[in-house]
Amino acid sequence: MRLETARLLLRPCTADDLDALHRLWTDPDVRRYLFDDRIIPREQAEATIRSSLASFPAHGFGLWVVRRTGEDAIVGFCGLSLTGEPPEVELLYGLAPSAWGQGLATEAARAVLRYGFAELRLARITAGADVPNVASLRVLEKLGMTFTRRTRTEYGEVLYFAVTREEFHKRV
């Protein structure tokens, strides 16, 4: 289940990634939009990884860690998760600030979408981003996702987007 792009290698996260992912998920710039600016405890990061590990055999997807090709350091994560009722497949991603502004989020997310549509034959994938998270909203636009709804949460407004398999393949 490894995914490769021109510049990135994505592999399913494992328990061995706990320290690196917890560091990423508690970085002030990353958690601002990912965890609504909450510092998640190590146990929550561990539970997230366990959930992802269980999701791969059950659904064919979960969270991948993102590394630059030829490097060992994790620069982010990207993946798919079930959310909502009825359940929808949602795209998730986040990068370390040192990897921002280089198109890596779009590249990783495109690889995950391609996998979801081509390998898993998913019909539709959604994604959400906080209104102030302009960079993430731009990534969703570059992926060809279209706006579906605006929701107010206790942490602020979230914009939701979606793309179907057919729409994605027309744009790739």
N, C-alpha and C. Protein backbone atom coordinates (compact mmCIF):
# COMPACT_ATOMS: atom_id res chain seq x y z
N MET A 1 0.81 -1.20 0.00
CA MET A 1 0.00 0.00 0.00
C MET A 1 0.85 1.26 0.00
N ARG A 2 2.06 1.14 -0.49
CA ARG A 2 2.92 2.31 -0.61
C ARG A 2 2.50 3.09 -1.85
N LEU A 3 2.52 4.40 -1.73
CA LEU A 3 2.20 5.27 -2.85
C LEU A 3 3.43 6.12 -3.14
N GLU A 4 3.71 6.31 -4.41
CA GLU A 4 4.86 7.12 -4.80
C GLU A 4 4.43 8.20 -5.78
N THR A 5 5.07 9.36 -5.64
CA THR A 5 4.88 10.45 -6.58
C THR A 5 6.26 10.86 -7.06
N ALA A 6 6.33 11.91 -7.83
CA ALA A 6 7.63 12.37 -8.33
C ALA A 6 8.58 12.73 -7.19
N ARG A 7 8.04 13.28 -6.10
CA ARG A 7 8.91 13.74 -5.01
C ARG A 7 8.66 13.08 -3.67
N LEU A 8 7.62 12.24 -3.59
CA LEU A 8 7.21 11.74 -2.28
C LEU A 8 7.04 10.23 -2.25
N LEU A 9 7.21 9.69 -1.05
CA LEU A 9 6.90 8.30 -0.77
C LEU A 9 5.91 8.31 0.39
N LEU A 10 4.78 7.64 0.21
CA LEU A 10 3.77 7.53 1.25
C LEU A 10 3.66 6.06 1.64
N ARG A 11 3.67 5.79 2.93
CA ARG A 11 3.48 4.42 3.41
C ARG A 11 2.53 4.47 4.60
N PRO A 12 1.76 3.40 4.82
CA PRO A 12 0.84 3.40 5.95
C PRO A 12 1.59 3.68 7.26
N CYS A 13 1.00 4.48 8.11
CA CYS A 13 1.65 4.78 9.39
C CYS A 13 1.62 3.53 10.27
N THR A 14 2.59 3.45 11.14
CA THR A 14 2.70 2.32 12.07
C THR A 14 2.94 2.86 13.47
N ALA A 15 2.93 1.97 14.43
CA ALA A 15 3.18 2.35 15.83
C ALA A 15 4.56 3.00 15.96
N ASP A 16 5.50 2.63 15.11
CA ASP A 16 6.84 3.21 15.16
C ASP A 16 6.85 4.70 14.80
N ASP A 17 5.76 5.18 14.20
CA ASP A 17 5.67 6.59 13.80
C ASP A 17 5.08 7.48 14.90
N LEU A 18 4.76 6.90 16.04
CA LEU A 18 4.07 7.65 17.09
C LEU A 18 4.80 8.93 17.47
N ASP A 19 6.08 8.87 17.76
CA ASP A 19 6.81 10.06 18.20
C ASP A 19 6.79 11.15 17.12
N ALA A 20 7.08 10.77 15.89
CA ALA A 20 7.12 11.76 14.81
C ALA A 20 5.74 12.36 14.55
N LEU A 21 4.70 11.53 14.54
CA LEU A 21 3.36 12.05 14.27
C LEU A 21 2.85 12.89 15.44
N HIS A 22 3.13 12.49 16.67
CA HIS A 22 2.70 13.29 17.81
C HIS A 22 3.39 14.66 17.79
N ARG A 23 4.66 14.66 17.44
CA ARG A 23 5.39 15.94 17.31
C ARG A 23 4.74 16.82 16.25
N LEU A 24 4.41 16.23 15.09
CA LEU A 24 3.77 16.97 14.00
C LEU A 24 2.40 17.47 14.45
N TRP A 25 1.60 16.60 15.03
CA TRP A 25 0.23 16.95 15.40
C TRP A 25 0.14 17.94 16.56
N THR A 26 1.23 18.12 17.31
CA THR A 26 1.21 19.10 18.40
C THR A 26 1.99 20.37 18.05
N ASP A 27 2.56 20.42 16.84
CA ASP A 27 3.21 21.65 16.39
C ASP A 27 2.16 22.76 16.36
N PRO A 28 2.45 23.93 16.94
CA PRO A 28 1.45 25.00 17.03
C PRO A 28 0.86 25.41 15.67
N ASP A 29 1.65 25.42 14.63
CA ASP A 29 1.14 25.82 13.31
C ASP A 29 0.29 24.73 12.68
N VAL A 30 0.57 23.48 12.99
CA VAL A 30 -0.19 22.36 12.41
C VAL A 30 -1.49 22.16 13.17
N ARG A 31 -1.41 22.14 14.48
CA ARG A 31 -2.62 21.85 15.28
C ARG A 31 -3.66 22.97 15.20
N ARG A 32 -3.26 24.16 14.78
CA ARG A 32 -4.18 25.29 14.70
C ARG A 32 -5.43 24.91 13.92
N TYR A 33 -5.27 24.19 12.82
CA TYR A 33 -6.42 23.79 12.01
C TYR A 33 -6.73 22.31 12.12
N LEU A 34 -5.76 21.52 12.46
CA LEU A 34 -5.96 20.08 12.50
C LEU A 34 -6.71 19.64 13.75
N PHE A 35 -6.36 20.16 14.88
CA PHE A 35 -6.99 19.78 16.15
C PHE A 35 -7.59 20.98 16.85
N ASP A 36 -8.02 21.96 16.07
CA ASP A 36 -8.65 23.17 16.61
C ASP A 36 -7.81 23.80 17.71
N ASP A 37 -6.50 23.79 17.49
CA ASP A 37 -5.51 24.41 18.38
C ASP A 37 -5.38 23.72 19.74
N ARG A 38 -5.83 22.48 19.82
CA ARG A 38 -5.66 21.71 21.06
C ARG A 38 -4.38 20.89 20.97
N ILE A 39 -3.66 20.82 22.07
CA ILE A 39 -2.50 19.94 22.15
C ILE A 39 -3.03 18.56 22.51
N ILE A 40 -2.99 17.66 21.55
CA ILE A 40 -3.54 16.33 21.83
C ILE A 40 -2.55 15.52 22.66
N PRO A 41 -3.05 14.73 23.60
CA PRO A 41 -2.13 13.88 24.37
C PRO A 41 -1.56 12.76 23.50
N ARG A 42 -0.46 12.25 23.91
CA ARG A 42 0.21 11.16 23.20
C ARG A 42 -0.75 9.98 23.01
N GLU A 43 -1.61 9.74 24.00
CA GLU A 43 -2.56 8.63 23.93
C GLU A 43 -3.55 8.81 22.77
N GLN A 44 -3.93 10.05 22.49
CA GLN A 44 -4.84 10.30 21.37
C GLN A 44 -4.13 10.04 20.04
N ALA A 45 -2.88 10.45 19.96
CA ALA A 45 -2.10 10.16 18.74
C ALA A 45 -1.96 8.66 18.55
N GLU A 46 -1.70 7.95 19.63
CA GLU A 46 -1.57 6.50 19.57
C GLU A 46 -2.90 5.85 19.14
N ALA A 47 -4.01 6.34 19.65
CA ALA A 47 -5.32 5.81 19.26
C ALA A 47 -5.62 6.09 17.79
N THR A 48 -5.21 7.24 17.31
CA THR A 48 -5.40 7.59 15.90
C THR A 48 -4.62 6.63 15.01
N ILE A 49 -3.41 6.32 15.40
CA ILE A 49 -2.58 5.38 14.63
C ILE A 49 -3.19 3.98 14.68
N ARG A 50 -3.65 3.55 15.86
CA ARG A 50 -4.29 2.23 15.97
C ARG A 50 -5.52 2.14 15.08
N SER A 51 -6.31 3.21 15.07
CA SER A 51 -7.52 3.24 14.23
C SER A 51 -7.14 3.13 12.75
N SER A 52 -6.09 3.83 12.35
CA SER A 52 -5.63 3.77 10.96
C SER A 52 -5.15 2.36 10.62
N LEU A 53 -4.40 1.75 11.52
CA LEU A 53 -3.92 0.38 11.28
C LEU A 53 -5.08 -0.59 11.11
N ALA A 54 -6.16 -0.43 11.87
CA ALA A 54 -7.33 -1.29 11.75
C ALA A 54 -8.12 -0.99 10.48
N SER A 55 -8.08 0.25 10.03
CA SER A 55 -8.84 0.67 8.85
C SER A 55 -8.29 0.08 7.55
N PHE A 56 -6.99 -0.10 7.46
CA PHE A 56 -6.42 -0.62 6.21
C PHE A 56 -6.97 -2.00 5.85
N PRO A 57 -6.95 -2.98 6.75
CA PRO A 57 -7.53 -4.28 6.36
C PRO A 57 -9.05 -4.24 6.22
N ALA A 58 -9.71 -3.37 6.98
CA ALA A 58 -11.18 -3.30 6.94
C ALA A 58 -11.71 -2.56 5.71
N HIS A 59 -11.03 -1.46 5.34
CA HIS A 59 -11.55 -0.58 4.28
C HIS A 59 -10.59 -0.37 3.11
N GLY A 60 -9.33 -0.75 3.30
CA GLY A 60 -8.35 -0.53 2.23
C GLY A 60 -7.67 0.82 2.31
N PHE A 61 -7.99 1.60 3.34
CA PHE A 61 -7.38 2.92 3.49
C PHE A 61 -7.22 3.27 4.96
N GLY A 62 -6.40 4.30 5.17
CA GLY A 62 -6.11 4.83 6.50
C GLY A 62 -5.22 6.03 6.31
N LEU A 63 -4.27 6.21 7.23
CA LEU A 63 -3.33 7.33 7.13
C LEU A 63 -1.97 6.83 6.65
N TRP A 64 -1.41 7.56 5.72
CA TRP A 64 -0.05 7.31 5.25
C TRP A 64 0.85 8.41 5.82
N VAL A 65 2.08 8.05 6.17
CA VAL A 65 3.07 9.08 6.49
C VAL A 65 3.70 9.51 5.18
N VAL A 66 4.08 10.77 5.10
CA VAL A 66 4.64 11.34 3.89
C VAL A 66 6.11 11.67 4.12
N ARG A 67 6.95 11.16 3.22
CA ARG A 67 8.38 11.46 3.26
C ARG A 67 8.81 11.90 1.87
N ARG A 68 9.82 12.74 1.82
CA ARG A 68 10.42 13.07 0.53
C ARG A 68 11.18 11.83 0.06
N THR A 69 11.16 11.57 -1.23
CA THR A 69 11.87 10.43 -1.80
C THR A 69 13.34 10.49 -1.40
N GLY A 70 13.85 9.39 -0.90
CA GLY A 70 15.25 9.31 -0.52
C GLY A 70 15.57 9.86 0.85
N GLU A 71 14.58 10.32 1.60
CA GLU A 71 14.81 10.86 2.94
C GLU A 71 14.01 10.04 3.95
N ASP A 72 14.50 10.01 5.19
CA ASP A 72 13.83 9.24 6.23
C ASP A 72 12.83 10.04 7.04
N ALA A 73 13.04 11.34 7.12
CA ALA A 73 12.20 12.18 7.98
C ALA A 73 10.77 12.27 7.44
N ILE A 74 9.82 12.15 8.34
CA ILE A 74 8.41 12.31 8.00
C ILE A 74 8.12 13.81 7.91
N VAL A 75 7.57 14.23 6.77
CA VAL A 75 7.23 15.65 6.60
C VAL A 75 5.73 15.90 6.71
N GLY A 76 4.95 14.81 6.85
CA GLY A 76 3.51 14.99 6.98
C GLY A 76 2.78 13.67 6.96
N PHE A 77 1.48 13.79 6.81
CA PHE A 77 0.62 12.62 6.69
C PHE A 77 -0.48 12.95 5.70
N CYS A 78 -1.09 11.92 5.15
CA CYS A 78 -2.20 12.10 4.23
C CYS A 78 -2.97 10.79 4.23
N GLY A 79 -4.28 10.87 4.12
CA GLY A 79 -5.03 9.62 4.11
C GLY A 79 -6.51 9.82 3.96
N LEU A 80 -7.21 8.71 4.13
CA LEU A 80 -8.65 8.67 4.03
C LEU A 80 -9.22 8.10 5.32
N SER A 81 -10.39 8.61 5.69
CA SER A 81 -11.04 8.18 6.92
C SER A 81 -12.55 8.18 6.72
N LEU A 82 -13.24 7.33 7.43
CA LEU A 82 -14.70 7.36 7.42
C LEU A 82 -15.17 8.37 8.45
N THR A 83 -16.14 9.21 8.07
CA THR A 83 -16.65 10.23 8.98
C THR A 83 -18.13 10.46 8.71
N GLY A 84 -18.84 10.90 9.74
CA GLY A 84 -20.23 11.31 9.58
C GLY A 84 -21.22 10.17 9.56
N GLU A 85 -22.48 10.57 9.46
CA GLU A 85 -23.58 9.61 9.40
C GLU A 85 -24.58 10.09 8.37
N PRO A 86 -24.81 9.43 7.27
CA PRO A 86 -24.15 8.18 6.90
C PRO A 86 -22.66 8.41 6.62
N PRO A 87 -21.86 7.38 6.78
CA PRO A 87 -20.42 7.55 6.63
C PRO A 87 -20.01 7.99 5.23
N GLU A 88 -19.07 8.93 5.20
CA GLU A 88 -18.46 9.37 3.95
C GLU A 88 -16.95 9.15 4.08
N VAL A 89 -16.29 8.99 2.95
CA VAL A 89 -14.84 8.87 2.95
C VAL A 89 -14.28 10.28 2.84
N GLU A 90 -13.45 10.65 3.81
CA GLU A 90 -12.90 12.00 3.89
C GLU A 90 -11.39 11.99 3.70
N LEU A 91 -10.90 12.92 2.93
CA LEU A 91 -9.48 13.14 2.72
C LEU A 91 -8.94 13.97 3.87
N LEU A 92 -7.83 13.54 4.44
CA LEU A 92 -7.15 14.27 5.52
C LEU A 92 -5.69 14.45 5.13
N TYR A 93 -5.09 15.56 5.52
CA TYR A 93 -3.66 15.76 5.26
C TYR A 93 -3.13 16.86 6.16
N GLY A 94 -1.83 16.83 6.35
CA GLY A 94 -1.14 17.87 7.10
C GLY A 94 0.35 17.73 6.88
N LEU A 95 1.01 18.87 6.80
CA LEU A 95 2.46 18.87 6.59
C LEU A 95 3.15 19.71 7.66
N ALA A 96 4.39 19.37 7.93
CA ALA A 96 5.23 20.19 8.80
C ALA A 96 5.43 21.55 8.14
N PRO A 97 5.49 22.62 8.93
CA PRO A 97 5.68 23.95 8.34
C PRO A 97 6.88 24.05 7.41
N SER A 98 7.93 23.27 7.65
CA SER A 98 9.12 23.31 6.78
C SER A 98 8.81 22.81 5.37
N ALA A 99 7.68 22.11 5.20
CA ALA A 99 7.31 21.57 3.89
C ALA A 99 6.19 22.37 3.22
N TRP A 100 5.77 23.45 3.84
CA TRP A 100 4.68 24.26 3.29
C TRP A 100 5.14 25.03 2.05
N GLY A 101 4.20 25.35 1.20
CA GLY A 101 4.46 26.22 0.06
C GLY A 101 5.23 25.59 -1.08
N GLN A 102 5.33 24.26 -1.10
CA GLN A 102 6.10 23.58 -2.13
C GLN A 102 5.24 22.65 -2.99
N GLY A 103 3.94 22.67 -2.76
CA GLY A 103 3.04 21.82 -3.52
C GLY A 103 3.00 20.38 -3.05
N LEU A 104 3.61 20.09 -1.91
CA LEU A 104 3.68 18.71 -1.43
C LEU A 104 2.33 18.20 -0.92
N ALA A 105 1.54 19.06 -0.29
CA ALA A 105 0.21 18.64 0.18
C ALA A 105 -0.65 18.23 -1.00
N THR A 106 -0.63 19.03 -2.05
CA THR A 106 -1.41 18.71 -3.25
C THR A 106 -0.92 17.41 -3.87
N GLU A 107 0.38 17.24 -3.93
CA GLU A 107 0.97 16.04 -4.53
C GLU A 107 0.60 14.78 -3.74
N ALA A 108 0.71 14.85 -2.43
CA ALA A 108 0.36 13.71 -1.58
C ALA A 108 -1.14 13.42 -1.67
N ALA A 109 -1.95 14.47 -1.57
CA ALA A 109 -3.41 14.29 -1.61
C ALA A 109 -3.86 13.73 -2.95
N ARG A 110 -3.25 14.18 -4.03
CA ARG A 110 -3.61 13.66 -5.36
C ARG A 110 -3.30 12.17 -5.45
N ALA A 111 -2.18 11.74 -4.87
CA ALA A 111 -1.82 10.32 -4.88
C ALA A 111 -2.83 9.50 -4.09
N VAL A 112 -3.28 10.02 -2.97
CA VAL A 112 -4.27 9.31 -2.15
C VAL A 112 -5.62 9.27 -2.86
N LEU A 113 -6.03 10.37 -3.48
CA LEU A 113 -7.28 10.37 -4.24
C LEU A 113 -7.20 9.37 -5.39
N ARG A 114 -6.09 9.37 -6.11
CA ARG A 114 -5.92 8.44 -7.23
C ARG A 114 -6.06 7.00 -6.73
N TYR A 115 -5.42 6.69 -5.62
CA TYR A 115 -5.52 5.36 -5.03
C TYR A 115 -6.98 5.04 -4.67
N GLY A 116 -7.65 5.96 -4.01
CA GLY A 116 -9.03 5.74 -3.60
C GLY A 116 -9.96 5.49 -4.77
N PHE A 117 -9.77 6.23 -5.84
CA PHE A 117 -10.65 6.08 -7.00
C PHE A 117 -10.24 4.91 -7.90
N ALA A 118 -8.95 4.75 -8.17
CA ALA A 118 -8.50 3.72 -9.10
C ALA A 118 -8.44 2.33 -8.45
N GLU A 119 -7.88 2.25 -7.28
CA GLU A 119 -7.70 0.94 -6.64
C GLU A 119 -8.92 0.49 -5.84
N LEU A 120 -9.53 1.40 -5.10
CA LEU A 120 -10.66 1.04 -4.25
C LEU A 120 -12.01 1.26 -4.93
N ARG A 121 -11.98 1.96 -6.07
CA ARG A 121 -13.21 2.24 -6.83
C ARG A 121 -14.23 3.02 -6.00
N LEU A 122 -13.75 3.91 -5.14
CA LEU A 122 -14.66 4.76 -4.37
C LEU A 122 -15.40 5.66 -5.33
N ALA A 123 -16.64 5.98 -5.01
CA ALA A 123 -17.45 6.82 -5.89
C ALA A 123 -17.23 8.30 -5.63
N ARG A 124 -16.95 8.66 -4.36
CA ARG A 124 -16.87 10.08 -3.98
C ARG A 124 -15.99 10.21 -2.75
N ILE A 125 -15.22 11.28 -2.69
CA ILE A 125 -14.37 11.58 -1.53
C ILE A 125 -14.62 13.03 -1.15
N THR A 126 -14.76 13.27 0.15
CA THR A 126 -15.01 14.61 0.66
C THR A 126 -13.76 15.13 1.38
N ALA A 127 -13.78 16.40 1.71
CA ALA A 127 -12.72 17.02 2.51
C ALA A 127 -13.27 18.30 3.12
N GLY A 128 -12.76 18.66 4.27
CA GLY A 128 -13.17 19.89 4.92
C GLY A 128 -11.96 20.72 5.32
N ALA A 129 -12.17 22.03 5.39
CA ALA A 129 -11.09 22.93 5.82
C ALA A 129 -11.71 24.11 6.54
N ASP A 130 -11.06 24.54 7.61
CA ASP A 130 -11.51 25.73 8.32
C ASP A 130 -11.44 26.93 7.40
N VAL A 131 -12.39 27.84 7.54
CA VAL A 131 -12.45 29.02 6.67
C VAL A 131 -11.13 29.80 6.64
N PRO A 132 -10.47 30.02 7.79
CA PRO A 132 -9.21 30.79 7.72
C PRO A 132 -8.02 30.03 7.12
N ASN A 133 -8.17 28.73 6.91
CA ASN A 133 -7.06 27.92 6.40
C ASN A 133 -7.00 28.03 4.87
N VAL A 134 -6.58 29.18 4.41
CA VAL A 134 -6.57 29.51 2.98
C VAL A 134 -5.69 28.53 2.19
N ALA A 135 -4.56 28.14 2.75
CA ALA A 135 -3.66 27.22 2.03
C ALA A 135 -4.34 25.88 1.79
N SER A 136 -5.05 25.37 2.77
CA SER A 136 -5.72 24.09 2.61
C SER A 136 -6.88 24.20 1.63
N LEU A 137 -7.60 25.30 1.68
CA LEU A 137 -8.68 25.52 0.72
C LEU A 137 -8.13 25.54 -0.70
N ARG A 138 -6.96 26.13 -0.88
CA ARG A 138 -6.33 26.18 -2.20
C ARG A 138 -5.96 24.77 -2.69
N VAL A 139 -5.47 23.93 -1.76
CA VAL A 139 -5.14 22.54 -2.12
C VAL A 139 -6.38 21.83 -2.64
N LEU A 140 -7.51 22.00 -1.96
CA LEU A 140 -8.75 21.34 -2.38
C LEU A 140 -9.18 21.81 -3.77
N GLU A 141 -9.00 23.09 -4.03
CA GLU A 141 -9.32 23.62 -5.37
C GLU A 141 -8.40 22.99 -6.43
N LYS A 142 -7.11 22.91 -6.14
CA LYS A 142 -6.15 22.34 -7.09
C LYS A 142 -6.47 20.87 -7.37
N LEU A 143 -7.07 20.19 -6.39
CA LEU A 143 -7.43 18.79 -6.57
C LEU A 143 -8.70 18.61 -7.39
N GLY A 144 -9.35 19.72 -7.71
CA GLY A 144 -10.58 19.65 -8.49
C GLY A 144 -11.82 19.38 -7.66
N MET A 145 -11.69 19.56 -6.36
CA MET A 145 -12.85 19.34 -5.48
C MET A 145 -13.75 20.57 -5.55
N THR A 146 -15.04 20.37 -5.42
CA THR A 146 -15.99 21.47 -5.49
C THR A 146 -16.70 21.64 -4.15
N PHE A 147 -17.03 22.88 -3.86
CA PHE A 147 -17.70 23.25 -2.62
C PHE A 147 -19.06 22.57 -2.53
N THR A 148 -19.34 21.99 -1.34
CA THR A 148 -20.65 21.35 -1.13
C THR A 148 -21.47 21.99 -0.02
N ARG A 149 -20.79 22.45 1.04
CA ARG A 149 -21.54 23.05 2.14
C ARG A 149 -20.63 23.78 3.12
N ARG A 150 -21.24 24.64 3.91
CA ARG A 150 -20.56 25.39 4.96
C ARG A 150 -21.22 25.01 6.27
N THR A 151 -20.42 24.69 7.27
CA THR A 151 -20.94 24.26 8.57
C THR A 151 -20.28 25.06 9.68
N ARG A 152 -21.07 25.44 10.65
CA ARG A 152 -20.52 26.11 11.83
C ARG A 152 -20.34 25.08 12.93
N THR A 153 -19.13 25.04 13.50
CA THR A 153 -18.84 24.15 14.62
C THR A 153 -18.52 25.01 15.84
N GLU A 154 -18.28 24.37 16.95
CA GLU A 154 -17.92 25.12 18.15
C GLU A 154 -16.57 25.82 18.00
N TYR A 155 -15.78 25.40 16.99
CA TYR A 155 -14.46 25.98 16.79
C TYR A 155 -14.41 26.98 15.64
N GLY A 156 -15.50 27.12 14.90
CA GLY A 156 -15.53 28.05 13.78
C GLY A 156 -16.22 27.43 12.58
N GLU A 157 -16.12 28.12 11.45
CA GLU A 157 -16.76 27.65 10.24
C GLU A 157 -15.84 26.73 9.44
N VAL A 158 -16.46 25.69 8.88
CA VAL A 158 -15.73 24.72 8.06
C VAL A 158 -16.41 24.66 6.69
N LEU A 159 -15.60 24.69 5.64
CA LEU A 159 -16.09 24.53 4.29
C LEU A 159 -15.82 23.09 3.85
N TYR A 160 -16.82 22.46 3.25
CA TYR A 160 -16.68 21.09 2.79
C TYR A 160 -16.71 21.04 1.27
N PHE A 161 -15.90 20.14 0.74
CA PHE A 161 -15.74 19.96 -0.69
C PHE A 161 -15.85 18.47 -1.00
N ALA A 162 -16.07 18.16 -2.26
CA ALA A 162 -16.14 16.76 -2.68
C ALA A 162 -15.70 16.64 -4.13
N VAL A 163 -15.31 15.43 -4.50
CA VAL A 163 -15.01 15.11 -5.88
C VAL A 163 -15.44 13.66 -6.12
N THR A 164 -16.02 13.41 -7.27
CA THR A 164 -16.40 12.06 -7.63
C THR A 164 -15.27 11.42 -8.44
N ARG A 165 -15.35 10.12 -8.59
CA ARG A 165 -14.35 9.39 -9.38
C ARG A 165 -14.31 9.94 -10.81
N GLU A 166 -15.48 10.16 -11.39
CA GLU A 166 -15.54 10.65 -12.77
C GLU A 166 -14.94 12.05 -12.90
N GLU A 167 -15.27 12.93 -11.96
CA GLU A 167 -14.72 14.30 -11.99
C GLU A 167 -13.20 14.28 -11.84
N PHE A 168 -12.71 13.45 -10.94
CA PHE A 168 -11.27 13.36 -10.69
C PHE A 168 -10.54 12.89 -11.94
N HIS A 169 -11.06 11.85 -12.58
CA HIS A 169 -10.38 11.30 -13.76
C HIS A 169 -10.43 12.25 -14.95
N LYS A 170 -11.43 13.13 -15.02
CA LYS A 170 -11.48 14.13 -16.09
C LYS A 170 -10.38 15.16 -15.93
N ARG A 171 -9.97 15.41 -14.68
CA ARG A 171 -9.01 16.49 -14.39
C ARG A 171 -7.58 16.02 -14.29
N VAL A 172 -7.38 14.73 -14.17
CA VAL A 172 -6.01 14.22 -13.97
C VAL A 172 -5.30 14.02 -15.29
